[in-house]
Amino acid sequence: MFGLAKQTEKQVRYGKSAFLHAPEYAKNRLLLEVLLDDTKTYTKEEVDSLLNEWKKKEVK
């Protein structure tokens, strides 16, 4: 049962504004404003992945 609750928790999706107002994403607020779509929802893992991918890109 505990494992199931943890799995369900990971699947929770939030809108762009939730991530923009979350204290743990304060340093990345401007970047999230650009990367996230107003009409979509994201899991925490998806947002972390988007941020990591963007930060790894080569500067041109």
PDB file of N, CA and C in Angstrom:
ATOM      1  N   MET A   1       0.821  -1.192   0.000  1.00  0.00           N
ATOM      2  CA  MET A   1       0.000   0.000   0.000  1.00  0.00           C
ATOM      3  C   MET A   1       0.866   1.257   0.000  1.00  0.00           C
ATOM      4  N   PHE A   2       1.925   1.293   0.795  1.00  0.00           N
ATOM      5  CA  PHE A   2       2.794   2.457   0.850  1.00  0.00           C
ATOM      6  C   PHE A   2       3.416   2.732  -0.506  1.00  0.00           C
ATOM      7  N   GLY A   3       3.874   1.688  -1.193  1.00  0.00           N
ATOM      8  CA  GLY A   3       4.461   1.849  -2.520  1.00  0.00           C
ATOM      9  C   GLY A   3       3.472   2.429  -3.511  1.00  0.00           C
ATOM     10  N   LEU A   4       2.225   2.034  -3.398  1.00  0.00           N
ATOM     11  CA  LEU A   4       1.181   2.537  -4.283  1.00  0.00           C
ATOM     12  C   LEU A   4       0.947   4.025  -4.042  1.00  0.00           C
ATOM     13  N   ALA A   5       0.932   4.439  -2.794  1.00  0.00           N
ATOM     14  CA  ALA A   5       0.734   5.854  -2.470  1.00  0.00           C
ATOM     15  C   ALA A   5       1.878   6.692  -3.029  1.00  0.00           C
ATOM     16  N   LYS A   6       3.082   6.177  -2.938  1.00  0.00           N
ATOM     17  CA  LYS A   6       4.238   6.909  -3.448  1.00  0.00           C
ATOM     18  C   LYS A   6       4.161   7.035  -4.967  1.00  0.00           C
ATOM     19  N   GLN A   7       3.740   5.963  -5.630  1.00  0.00           N
ATOM     20  CA  GLN A   7       3.616   5.992  -7.089  1.00  0.00           C
ATOM     21  C   GLN A   7       2.547   6.995  -7.504  1.00  0.00           C
ATOM     22  N   THR A   8       1.431   7.011  -6.827  1.00  0.00           N
ATOM     23  CA  THR A   8       0.353   7.948  -7.133  1.00  0.00           C
ATOM     24  C   THR A   8       0.828   9.381  -6.920  1.00  0.00           C
ATOM     25  N   GLU A   9       1.586   9.616  -5.865  1.00  0.00           N
ATOM     26  CA  GLU A   9       2.100  10.950  -5.572  1.00  0.00           C
ATOM     27  C   GLU A   9       2.972  11.461  -6.715  1.00  0.00           C
ATOM     28  N   LYS A  10       3.759  10.608  -7.316  1.00  0.00           N
ATOM     29  CA  LYS A  10       4.633  11.006  -8.411  1.00  0.00           C
ATOM     30  C   LYS A  10       3.845  11.413  -9.651  1.00  0.00           C
ATOM     31  N   GLN A  11       2.621  10.918  -9.784  1.00  0.00           N
ATOM     32  CA  GLN A  11       1.832  11.182 -10.971  1.00  0.00           C
ATOM     33  C   GLN A  11       0.996  12.462 -10.857  1.00  0.00           C
ATOM     34  N   VAL A  12       1.057  13.141  -9.739  1.00  0.00           N
ATOM     35  CA  VAL A  12       0.293  14.372  -9.561  1.00  0.00           C
ATOM     36  C   VAL A  12       0.809  15.420 -10.535  1.00  0.00           C
ATOM     37  N   ARG A  13      -0.125  16.084 -11.219  1.00  0.00           N
ATOM     38  CA  ARG A  13       0.247  17.071 -12.238  1.00  0.00           C
ATOM     39  C   ARG A  13      -0.195  18.460 -11.782  1.00  0.00           C
ATOM     40  N   TYR A  14       0.623  19.442 -12.112  1.00  0.00           N
ATOM     41  CA  TYR A  14       0.349  20.822 -11.724  1.00  0.00           C
ATOM     42  C   TYR A  14       0.466  21.733 -12.936  1.00  0.00           C
ATOM     43  N   GLY A  15      -0.221  22.845 -12.887  1.00  0.00           N
ATOM     44  CA  GLY A  15      -0.130  23.837 -13.943  1.00  0.00           C
ATOM     45  C   GLY A  15       1.108  24.699 -13.787  1.00  0.00           C
ATOM     46  N   LYS A  16       1.352  25.486 -14.793  1.00  0.00           N
ATOM     47  CA  LYS A  16       2.522  26.372 -14.834  1.00  0.00           C
ATOM     48  C   LYS A  16       2.582  27.284 -13.612  1.00  0.00           C
ATOM     49  N   SER A  17       1.471  27.877 -13.230  1.00  0.00           N
ATOM     50  CA  SER A  17       1.476  28.835 -12.115  1.00  0.00           C
ATOM     51  C   SER A  17       1.885  28.189 -10.796  1.00  0.00           C
ATOM     52  N   ALA A  18       1.563  26.914 -10.612  1.00  0.00           N
ATOM     53  CA  ALA A  18       1.954  26.223  -9.376  1.00  0.00           C
ATOM     54  C   ALA A  18       3.471  26.143  -9.266  1.00  0.00           C
ATOM     55  N   PHE A  19       4.136  25.865 -10.383  1.00  0.00           N
ATOM     56  CA  PHE A  19       5.597  25.793 -10.362  1.00  0.00           C
ATOM     57  C   PHE A  19       6.222  27.178 -10.228  1.00  0.00           C
ATOM     58  N   LEU A  20       5.598  28.180 -10.824  1.00  0.00           N
ATOM     59  CA  LEU A  20       6.130  29.539 -10.719  1.00  0.00           C
ATOM     60  C   LEU A  20       6.067  30.069  -9.290  1.00  0.00           C
ATOM     61  N   HIS A  21       5.109  29.588  -8.512  1.00  0.00           N
ATOM     62  CA  HIS A  21       4.950  30.057  -7.135  1.00  0.00           C
ATOM     63  C   HIS A  21       5.567  29.129  -6.093  1.00  0.00           C
ATOM     64  N   ALA A  22       6.099  27.991  -6.527  1.00  0.00           N
ATOM     65  CA  ALA A  22       6.700  27.037  -5.591  1.00  0.00           C
ATOM     66  C   ALA A  22       8.075  27.545  -5.142  1.00  0.00           C
ATOM     67  N   PRO A  23       8.300  27.601  -3.831  1.00  0.00           N
ATOM     68  CA  PRO A  23       9.583  28.105  -3.307  1.00  0.00           C
ATOM     69  C   PRO A  23      10.801  27.362  -3.849  1.00  0.00           C
ATOM     70  N   GLU A  24      10.685  26.059  -4.073  1.00  0.00           N
ATOM     71  CA  GLU A  24      11.851  25.300  -4.535  1.00  0.00           C
ATOM     72  C   GLU A  24      12.265  25.638  -5.967  1.00  0.00           C
ATOM     73  N   TYR A  25      11.386  26.309  -6.708  1.00  0.00           N
ATOM     74  CA  TYR A  25      11.700  26.699  -8.087  1.00  0.00           C
ATOM     75  C   TYR A  25      11.946  28.211  -8.221  1.00  0.00           C
ATOM     76  N   ALA A  26      12.121  28.892  -7.112  1.00  0.00           N
ATOM     77  CA  ALA A  26      12.294  30.345  -7.124  1.00  0.00           C
ATOM     78  C   ALA A  26      13.472  30.787  -7.999  1.00  0.00           C
ATOM     79  N   LYS A  27      14.576  30.063  -7.952  1.00  0.00           N
ATOM     80  CA  LYS A  27      15.762  30.438  -8.729  1.00  0.00           C
ATOM     81  C   LYS A  27      15.547  30.249 -10.233  1.00  0.00           C
ATOM     82  N   ASN A  28      14.580  29.420 -10.598  1.00  0.00           N
ATOM     83  CA  ASN A  28      14.344  29.107 -12.008  1.00  0.00           C
ATOM     84  C   ASN A  28      13.041  29.696 -12.538  1.00  0.00           C
ATOM     85  N   ARG A  29      12.483  30.639 -11.818  1.00  0.00           N
ATOM     86  CA  ARG A  29      11.172  31.182 -12.175  1.00  0.00           C
ATOM     87  C   ARG A  29      11.122  31.757 -13.595  1.00  0.00           C
ATOM     88  N   LEU A  30      12.092  32.541 -13.960  1.00  0.00           N
ATOM     89  CA  LEU A  30      12.114  33.150 -15.292  1.00  0.00           C
ATOM     90  C   LEU A  30      12.233  32.078 -16.373  1.00  0.00           C
ATOM     91  N   LEU A  31      13.081  31.116 -16.139  1.00  0.00           N
ATOM     92  CA  LEU A  31      13.255  30.016 -17.082  1.00  0.00           C
ATOM     93  C   LEU A  31      11.960  29.201 -17.223  1.00  0.00           C
ATOM     94  N   LEU A  32      11.297  28.928 -16.122  1.00  0.00           N
ATOM     95  CA  LEU A  32      10.028  28.191 -16.167  1.00  0.00           C
ATOM     96  C   LEU A  32       8.961  28.982 -16.918  1.00  0.00           C
ATOM     97  N   GLU A  33       8.986  30.281 -16.783  1.00  0.00           N
ATOM     98  CA  GLU A  33       8.032  31.143 -17.487  1.00  0.00           C
ATOM     99  C   GLU A  33       8.126  30.909 -18.996  1.00  0.00           C
ATOM    100  N   VAL A  34       9.330  30.676 -19.474  1.00  0.00           N
ATOM    101  CA  VAL A  34       9.561  30.464 -20.904  1.00  0.00           C
ATOM    102  C   VAL A  34       9.326  29.004 -21.301  1.00  0.00           C
ATOM    103  N   LEU A  35       9.797  28.071 -20.489  1.00  0.00           N
ATOM    104  CA  LEU A  35       9.741  26.653 -20.852  1.00  0.00           C
ATOM    105  C   LEU A  35       8.352  26.018 -20.747  1.00  0.00           C
ATOM    106  N   LEU A  36       7.575  26.425 -19.763  1.00  0.00           N
ATOM    107  CA  LEU A  36       6.287  25.766 -19.529  1.00  0.00           C
ATOM    108  C   LEU A  36       5.153  26.426 -20.304  1.00  0.00           C
ATOM    109  N   ASP A  37       4.220  25.590 -20.727  1.00  0.00           N
ATOM    110  CA  ASP A  37       3.048  26.029 -21.491  1.00  0.00           C
ATOM    111  C   ASP A  37       1.893  26.305 -20.521  1.00  0.00           C
ATOM    112  N   ASP A  38       1.217  27.429 -20.704  1.00  0.00           N
ATOM    113  CA  ASP A  38       0.091  27.798 -19.829  1.00  0.00           C
ATOM    114  C   ASP A  38      -1.051  26.791 -19.871  1.00  0.00           C
ATOM    115  N   THR A  39      -1.198  26.072 -20.974  1.00  0.00           N
ATOM    116  CA  THR A  39      -2.346  25.188 -21.151  1.00  0.00           C
ATOM    117  C   THR A  39      -2.072  23.738 -20.767  1.00  0.00           C
ATOM    118  N   LYS A  40      -0.840  23.426 -20.354  1.00  0.00           N
ATOM    119  CA  LYS A  40      -0.479  22.046 -20.019  1.00  0.00           C
ATOM    120  C   LYS A  40      -0.240  21.889 -18.525  1.00  0.00           C
ATOM    121  N   THR A  41      -0.254  20.635 -18.088  1.00  0.00           N
ATOM    122  CA  THR A  41       0.114  20.316 -16.711  1.00  0.00           C
ATOM    123  C   THR A  41       1.357  19.435 -16.738  1.00  0.00           C
ATOM    124  N   TYR A  42       2.100  19.474 -15.655  1.00  0.00           N
ATOM    125  CA  TYR A  42       3.376  18.779 -15.578  1.00  0.00           C
ATOM    126  C   TYR A  42       3.535  18.099 -14.230  1.00  0.00           C
ATOM    127  N   THR A  43       4.302  17.001 -14.226  1.00  0.00           N
ATOM    128  CA  THR A  43       4.705  16.406 -12.958  1.00  0.00           C
ATOM    129  C   THR A  43       5.995  17.096 -12.536  1.00  0.00           C
ATOM    130  N   LYS A  44       6.354  16.961 -11.283  1.00  0.00           N
ATOM    131  CA  LYS A  44       7.599  17.545 -10.787  1.00  0.00           C
ATOM    132  C   LYS A  44       8.786  16.968 -11.563  1.00  0.00           C
ATOM    133  N   GLU A  45       8.722  15.682 -11.846  1.00  0.00           N
ATOM    134  CA  GLU A  45       9.805  15.025 -12.574  1.00  0.00           C
ATOM    135  C   GLU A  45       9.955  15.593 -13.988  1.00  0.00           C
ATOM    136  N   GLU A  46       8.834  15.876 -14.653  1.00  0.00           N
ATOM    137  CA  GLU A  46       8.888  16.448 -15.997  1.00  0.00           C
ATOM    138  C   GLU A  46       9.526  17.835 -15.974  1.00  0.00           C
ATOM    139  N   VAL A  47       9.161  18.645 -15.005  1.00  0.00           N
ATOM    140  CA  VAL A  47       9.711  19.997 -14.902  1.00  0.00           C
ATOM    141  C   VAL A  47      11.203  19.940 -14.575  1.00  0.00           C
ATOM    142  N   ASP A  48      11.591  19.064 -13.669  1.00  0.00           N
ATOM    143  CA  ASP A  48      13.010  18.920 -13.336  1.00  0.00           C
ATOM    144  C   ASP A  48      13.805  18.479 -14.565  1.00  0.00           C
ATOM    145  N   SER A  49      13.226  17.581 -15.346  1.00  0.00           N
ATOM    146  CA  SER A  49      13.878  17.106 -16.563  1.00  0.00           C
ATOM    147  C   SER A  49      14.025  18.233 -17.587  1.00  0.00           C
ATOM    148  N   LEU A  50      12.971  19.031 -17.778  1.00  0.00           N
ATOM    149  CA  LEU A  50      13.035  20.165 -18.703  1.00  0.00           C
ATOM    150  C   LEU A  50      14.127  21.148 -18.286  1.00  0.00           C
ATOM    151  N   LEU A  51      14.187  21.439 -17.010  1.00  0.00           N
ATOM    152  CA  LEU A  51      15.206  22.367 -16.503  1.00  0.00           C
ATOM    153  C   LEU A  51      16.609  21.808 -16.727  1.00  0.00           C
ATOM    154  N   ASN A  52      16.804  20.531 -16.416  1.00  0.00           N
ATOM    155  CA  ASN A  52      18.129  19.920 -16.589  1.00  0.00           C
ATOM    156  C   ASN A  52      18.547  19.897 -18.051  1.00  0.00           C
ATOM    157  N   GLU A  53      17.629  19.564 -18.947  1.00  0.00           N
ATOM    158  CA  GLU A  53      17.933  19.534 -20.377  1.00  0.00           C
ATOM    159  C   GLU A  53      18.339  20.929 -20.862  1.00  0.00           C
ATOM    160  N   TRP A  54      17.604  21.935 -20.435  1.00  0.00           N
ATOM    161  CA  TRP A  54      17.896  23.298 -20.877  1.00  0.00           C
ATOM    162  C   TRP A  54      19.260  23.762 -20.360  1.00  0.00           C
ATOM    163  N   LYS A  55      19.551  23.433 -19.112  1.00  0.00           N
ATOM    164  CA  LYS A  55      20.817  23.863 -18.515  1.00  0.00           C
ATOM    165  C   LYS A  55      22.024  23.161 -19.127  1.00  0.00           C
ATOM    166  N   LYS A  56      21.825  21.981 -19.726  1.00  0.00           N
ATOM    167  CA  LYS A  56      22.913  21.238 -20.339  1.00  0.00           C
ATOM    168  C   LYS A  56      23.192  21.693 -21.774  1.00  0.00           C
ATOM    169  N   LYS A  57      22.293  22.485 -22.363  1.00  0.00           N
ATOM    170  CA  LYS A  57      22.479  22.925 -23.748  1.00  0.00           C
ATOM    171  C   LYS A  57      23.729  23.786 -23.871  1.00  0.00           C
ATOM    172  N   GLU A  58      24.367  23.653 -25.026  1.00  0.00           N
ATOM    173  CA  GLU A  58      25.569  24.433 -25.306  1.00  0.00           C
ATOM    174  C   GLU A  58      25.164  25.863 -25.645  1.00  0.00           C
ATOM    175  N   VAL A  59      25.881  26.805 -25.122  1.00  0.00           N
ATOM    176  CA  VAL A  59      25.638  28.205 -25.414  1.00  0.00           C
ATOM    177  C   VAL A  59      26.257  28.532 -26.759  1.00  0.00           C
ATOM    178  N   LYS A  60      25.466  29.184 -27.616  1.00  0.00           N
ATOM    179  CA  LYS A  60      25.962  29.524 -28.956  1.00  0.00           C
ATOM    180  C   LYS A  60      26.287  30.984 -29.056  1.00  0.00           C
TER     181      LYS A  60
END
